Amino acid sequence: MTLGSKGSVAGLFLPADAIRGEGAETYVFAVEGDKLRRRKVEVERLNPGQVRIRAGIGADELIVVEGAAGLSDGATVRVSE
């Protein structure tokens, strides 16, 4: 999986692949310590490959942006740089 965050004055932008969905709910996986946490987000689709996060996470959070399929809330992770 790949992690990232990209904040700016205009908003927080993520690749569309980072956004997961279940029913009408959209969410991302945030890294908190050594665990993944499912975080509900409100998004605005800007183009086919990018979304702007309107609510739900902050610019300083580590978000899984690649390889999120098959992950689950509470899973143990190890972040390497």
N, C-alpha and C. Protein backbone atom coordinates (compact mmCIF):
# COMPACT_ATOMS: atom_id res chain seq x y z
N MET A 1 0.84 -1.16 0.00
CA MET A 1 0.00 0.00 0.00
C MET A 1 0.89 1.22 0.00
N THR A 2 0.37 2.34 -0.48
CA THR A 2 1.10 3.60 -0.50
C THR A 2 0.35 4.59 0.36
N LEU A 3 1.09 5.39 1.11
CA LEU A 3 0.49 6.37 1.98
C LEU A 3 0.76 7.76 1.44
N GLY A 4 -0.13 8.69 1.79
CA GLY A 4 0.12 10.05 1.38
C GLY A 4 -0.86 11.01 1.98
N SER A 5 -0.50 12.24 1.97
CA SER A 5 -1.41 13.33 2.29
C SER A 5 -0.90 14.54 1.54
N LYS A 6 -1.80 15.36 1.09
CA LYS A 6 -1.40 16.50 0.28
C LYS A 6 -2.37 17.63 0.57
N GLY A 7 -2.05 18.45 1.53
CA GLY A 7 -2.93 19.54 1.92
C GLY A 7 -2.50 20.85 1.31
N SER A 8 -3.46 21.71 1.14
CA SER A 8 -3.16 23.06 0.66
C SER A 8 -4.26 23.97 1.16
N VAL A 9 -4.10 25.25 0.92
CA VAL A 9 -5.11 26.21 1.34
C VAL A 9 -6.44 25.91 0.64
N ALA A 10 -6.38 25.45 -0.60
CA ALA A 10 -7.59 25.20 -1.37
C ALA A 10 -8.29 23.90 -0.98
N GLY A 11 -7.63 23.03 -0.24
CA GLY A 11 -8.27 21.79 0.17
C GLY A 11 -7.30 20.64 0.24
N LEU A 12 -7.83 19.50 0.59
CA LEU A 12 -7.05 18.28 0.69
C LEU A 12 -7.41 17.41 -0.51
N PHE A 13 -6.42 17.07 -1.32
CA PHE A 13 -6.64 16.32 -2.55
C PHE A 13 -6.01 14.95 -2.45
N LEU A 14 -6.73 13.94 -2.91
CA LEU A 14 -6.25 12.56 -2.92
C LEU A 14 -6.57 11.92 -4.26
N PRO A 15 -5.81 10.88 -4.62
CA PRO A 15 -6.18 10.11 -5.81
C PRO A 15 -7.54 9.45 -5.57
N ALA A 16 -8.34 9.35 -6.60
CA ALA A 16 -9.67 8.75 -6.48
C ALA A 16 -9.59 7.31 -5.98
N ASP A 17 -8.49 6.60 -6.27
CA ASP A 17 -8.34 5.22 -5.82
C ASP A 17 -8.24 5.09 -4.31
N ALA A 18 -7.95 6.18 -3.61
CA ALA A 18 -7.87 6.14 -2.15
C ALA A 18 -9.25 6.06 -1.51
N ILE A 19 -10.28 6.44 -2.26
CA ILE A 19 -11.64 6.48 -1.73
C ILE A 19 -12.31 5.13 -1.89
N ARG A 20 -12.84 4.64 -0.81
CA ARG A 20 -13.56 3.36 -0.80
C ARG A 20 -15.04 3.69 -0.59
N GLY A 21 -15.90 2.77 -0.92
CA GLY A 21 -17.32 3.01 -0.74
C GLY A 21 -18.07 1.77 -0.31
N GLU A 22 -19.09 2.00 0.48
CA GLU A 22 -19.99 0.93 0.90
C GLU A 22 -21.37 1.55 1.00
N GLY A 23 -22.25 1.17 0.09
CA GLY A 23 -23.55 1.82 0.02
C GLY A 23 -23.36 3.28 -0.36
N ALA A 24 -23.99 4.16 0.40
CA ALA A 24 -23.86 5.59 0.14
C ALA A 24 -22.69 6.22 0.89
N GLU A 25 -21.99 5.43 1.71
CA GLU A 25 -20.89 5.96 2.52
C GLU A 25 -19.57 5.88 1.78
N THR A 26 -18.79 6.95 1.85
CA THR A 26 -17.43 6.94 1.30
C THR A 26 -16.46 7.06 2.46
N TYR A 27 -15.33 6.37 2.33
CA TYR A 27 -14.35 6.38 3.42
C TYR A 27 -12.94 6.17 2.88
N VAL A 28 -11.98 6.45 3.75
CA VAL A 28 -10.57 6.20 3.48
C VAL A 28 -10.02 5.43 4.68
N PHE A 29 -8.81 4.90 4.52
CA PHE A 29 -8.12 4.28 5.64
C PHE A 29 -7.00 5.22 6.10
N ALA A 30 -7.07 5.63 7.36
CA ALA A 30 -6.05 6.47 7.98
C ALA A 30 -5.18 5.59 8.87
N VAL A 31 -3.91 5.95 8.97
CA VAL A 31 -3.00 5.22 9.84
C VAL A 31 -2.93 5.96 11.17
N GLU A 32 -3.26 5.23 12.26
CA GLU A 32 -3.16 5.78 13.61
C GLU A 32 -2.26 4.85 14.41
N GLY A 33 -1.03 5.29 14.65
CA GLY A 33 -0.06 4.42 15.32
C GLY A 33 0.29 3.26 14.42
N ASP A 34 -0.04 2.04 14.86
CA ASP A 34 0.23 0.86 14.04
C ASP A 34 -1.06 0.20 13.55
N LYS A 35 -2.16 0.97 13.53
CA LYS A 35 -3.46 0.44 13.11
C LYS A 35 -4.06 1.26 11.98
N LEU A 36 -4.86 0.59 11.16
CA LEU A 36 -5.65 1.28 10.15
C LEU A 36 -7.00 1.62 10.75
N ARG A 37 -7.49 2.80 10.47
CA ARG A 37 -8.81 3.22 10.92
C ARG A 37 -9.62 3.69 9.72
N ARG A 38 -10.81 3.14 9.61
CA ARG A 38 -11.73 3.54 8.54
C ARG A 38 -12.34 4.88 8.93
N ARG A 39 -12.20 5.86 8.07
CA ARG A 39 -12.67 7.21 8.35
C ARG A 39 -13.67 7.65 7.28
N LYS A 40 -14.88 7.94 7.70
CA LYS A 40 -15.91 8.43 6.79
C LYS A 40 -15.51 9.81 6.29
N VAL A 41 -15.63 10.03 4.99
CA VAL A 41 -15.26 11.32 4.39
C VAL A 41 -16.35 11.79 3.43
N GLU A 42 -16.40 13.09 3.26
CA GLU A 42 -17.24 13.70 2.22
C GLU A 42 -16.30 14.14 1.12
N VAL A 43 -16.60 13.76 -0.10
CA VAL A 43 -15.69 14.05 -1.21
C VAL A 43 -16.39 14.82 -2.32
N GLU A 44 -15.57 15.52 -3.08
CA GLU A 44 -16.00 16.20 -4.30
C GLU A 44 -15.10 15.68 -5.41
N ARG A 45 -15.69 15.05 -6.40
CA ARG A 45 -14.90 14.51 -7.51
C ARG A 45 -14.52 15.66 -8.44
N LEU A 46 -13.23 15.80 -8.66
CA LEU A 46 -12.74 16.89 -9.51
C LEU A 46 -12.53 16.44 -10.94
N ASN A 47 -12.02 15.25 -11.11
CA ASN A 47 -11.82 14.64 -12.43
C ASN A 47 -11.74 13.13 -12.19
N PRO A 48 -11.63 12.33 -13.22
CA PRO A 48 -11.64 10.87 -13.02
C PRO A 48 -10.56 10.34 -12.07
N GLY A 49 -9.47 11.05 -11.89
CA GLY A 49 -8.39 10.52 -11.07
C GLY A 49 -8.15 11.22 -9.75
N GLN A 50 -8.96 12.25 -9.41
CA GLN A 50 -8.67 13.03 -8.22
C GLN A 50 -9.95 13.48 -7.53
N VAL A 51 -9.89 13.51 -6.19
CA VAL A 51 -11.02 14.01 -5.40
C VAL A 51 -10.51 15.04 -4.40
N ARG A 52 -11.41 15.89 -3.98
CA ARG A 52 -11.12 16.83 -2.89
C ARG A 52 -11.91 16.37 -1.69
N ILE A 53 -11.24 16.29 -0.55
CA ILE A 53 -11.90 15.90 0.69
C ILE A 53 -12.55 17.14 1.29
N ARG A 54 -13.85 17.07 1.48
CA ARG A 54 -14.59 18.21 2.04
C ARG A 54 -14.69 18.11 3.56
N ALA A 55 -14.69 16.89 4.10
CA ALA A 55 -14.81 16.70 5.56
C ALA A 55 -14.41 15.28 5.91
N GLY A 56 -13.88 15.11 7.12
CA GLY A 56 -13.62 13.77 7.63
C GLY A 56 -12.18 13.48 8.02
N ILE A 57 -11.22 14.14 7.37
CA ILE A 57 -9.81 13.94 7.72
C ILE A 57 -9.09 15.27 7.64
N GLY A 58 -7.92 15.32 8.29
CA GLY A 58 -7.10 16.53 8.27
C GLY A 58 -5.89 16.37 7.37
N ALA A 59 -5.30 17.47 7.01
CA ALA A 59 -4.15 17.48 6.10
C ALA A 59 -2.92 16.81 6.68
N ASP A 60 -2.85 16.67 8.00
CA ASP A 60 -1.67 16.09 8.63
C ASP A 60 -1.76 14.57 8.83
N GLU A 61 -2.84 13.95 8.37
CA GLU A 61 -3.04 12.52 8.58
C GLU A 61 -2.42 11.69 7.46
N LEU A 62 -1.94 10.50 7.81
CA LEU A 62 -1.45 9.55 6.81
C LEU A 62 -2.63 8.73 6.30
N ILE A 63 -2.82 8.77 4.99
CA ILE A 63 -3.94 8.09 4.35
C ILE A 63 -3.40 7.09 3.34
N VAL A 64 -4.00 5.91 3.32
CA VAL A 64 -3.63 4.91 2.31
C VAL A 64 -4.18 5.39 0.98
N VAL A 65 -3.30 5.62 0.01
CA VAL A 65 -3.74 6.13 -1.29
C VAL A 65 -3.62 5.11 -2.41
N GLU A 66 -2.96 4.01 -2.13
CA GLU A 66 -2.80 2.96 -3.14
C GLU A 66 -2.82 1.61 -2.43
N GLY A 67 -3.52 0.64 -3.00
CA GLY A 67 -3.56 -0.69 -2.40
C GLY A 67 -4.57 -0.81 -1.27
N ALA A 68 -5.61 0.03 -1.26
CA ALA A 68 -6.58 0.01 -0.16
C ALA A 68 -7.59 -1.13 -0.27
N ALA A 69 -7.73 -1.72 -1.44
CA ALA A 69 -8.68 -2.82 -1.61
C ALA A 69 -8.27 -3.98 -0.71
N GLY A 70 -9.22 -4.52 0.00
CA GLY A 70 -8.96 -5.67 0.86
C GLY A 70 -8.48 -5.33 2.25
N LEU A 71 -8.27 -4.04 2.55
CA LEU A 71 -7.86 -3.65 3.89
C LEU A 71 -9.07 -3.59 4.81
N SER A 72 -8.83 -3.63 6.11
CA SER A 72 -9.95 -3.57 7.05
C SER A 72 -9.61 -2.70 8.25
N ASP A 73 -10.65 -2.15 8.84
CA ASP A 73 -10.51 -1.31 10.02
C ASP A 73 -9.86 -2.10 11.14
N GLY A 74 -8.86 -1.52 11.78
CA GLY A 74 -8.18 -2.16 12.89
C GLY A 74 -7.01 -3.05 12.51
N ALA A 75 -6.76 -3.21 11.21
CA ALA A 75 -5.64 -4.04 10.78
C ALA A 75 -4.33 -3.42 11.25
N THR A 76 -3.39 -4.25 11.62
CA THR A 76 -2.07 -3.78 12.04
C THR A 76 -1.22 -3.48 10.82
N VAL A 77 -0.55 -2.34 10.86
CA VAL A 77 0.32 -1.93 9.75
C VAL A 77 1.68 -1.50 10.27
N ARG A 78 2.63 -1.49 9.38
CA ARG A 78 3.97 -0.98 9.68
C ARG A 78 4.31 0.02 8.60
N VAL A 79 4.57 1.24 8.97
CA VAL A 79 4.90 2.30 8.02
C VAL A 79 6.41 2.32 7.85
N SER A 80 6.84 2.23 6.60
CA SER A 80 8.27 2.33 6.31
C SER A 80 8.47 3.46 5.31
N GLU A 81 9.57 4.15 5.49
CA GLU A 81 9.83 5.29 4.61
C GLU A 81 11.08 5.06 3.82
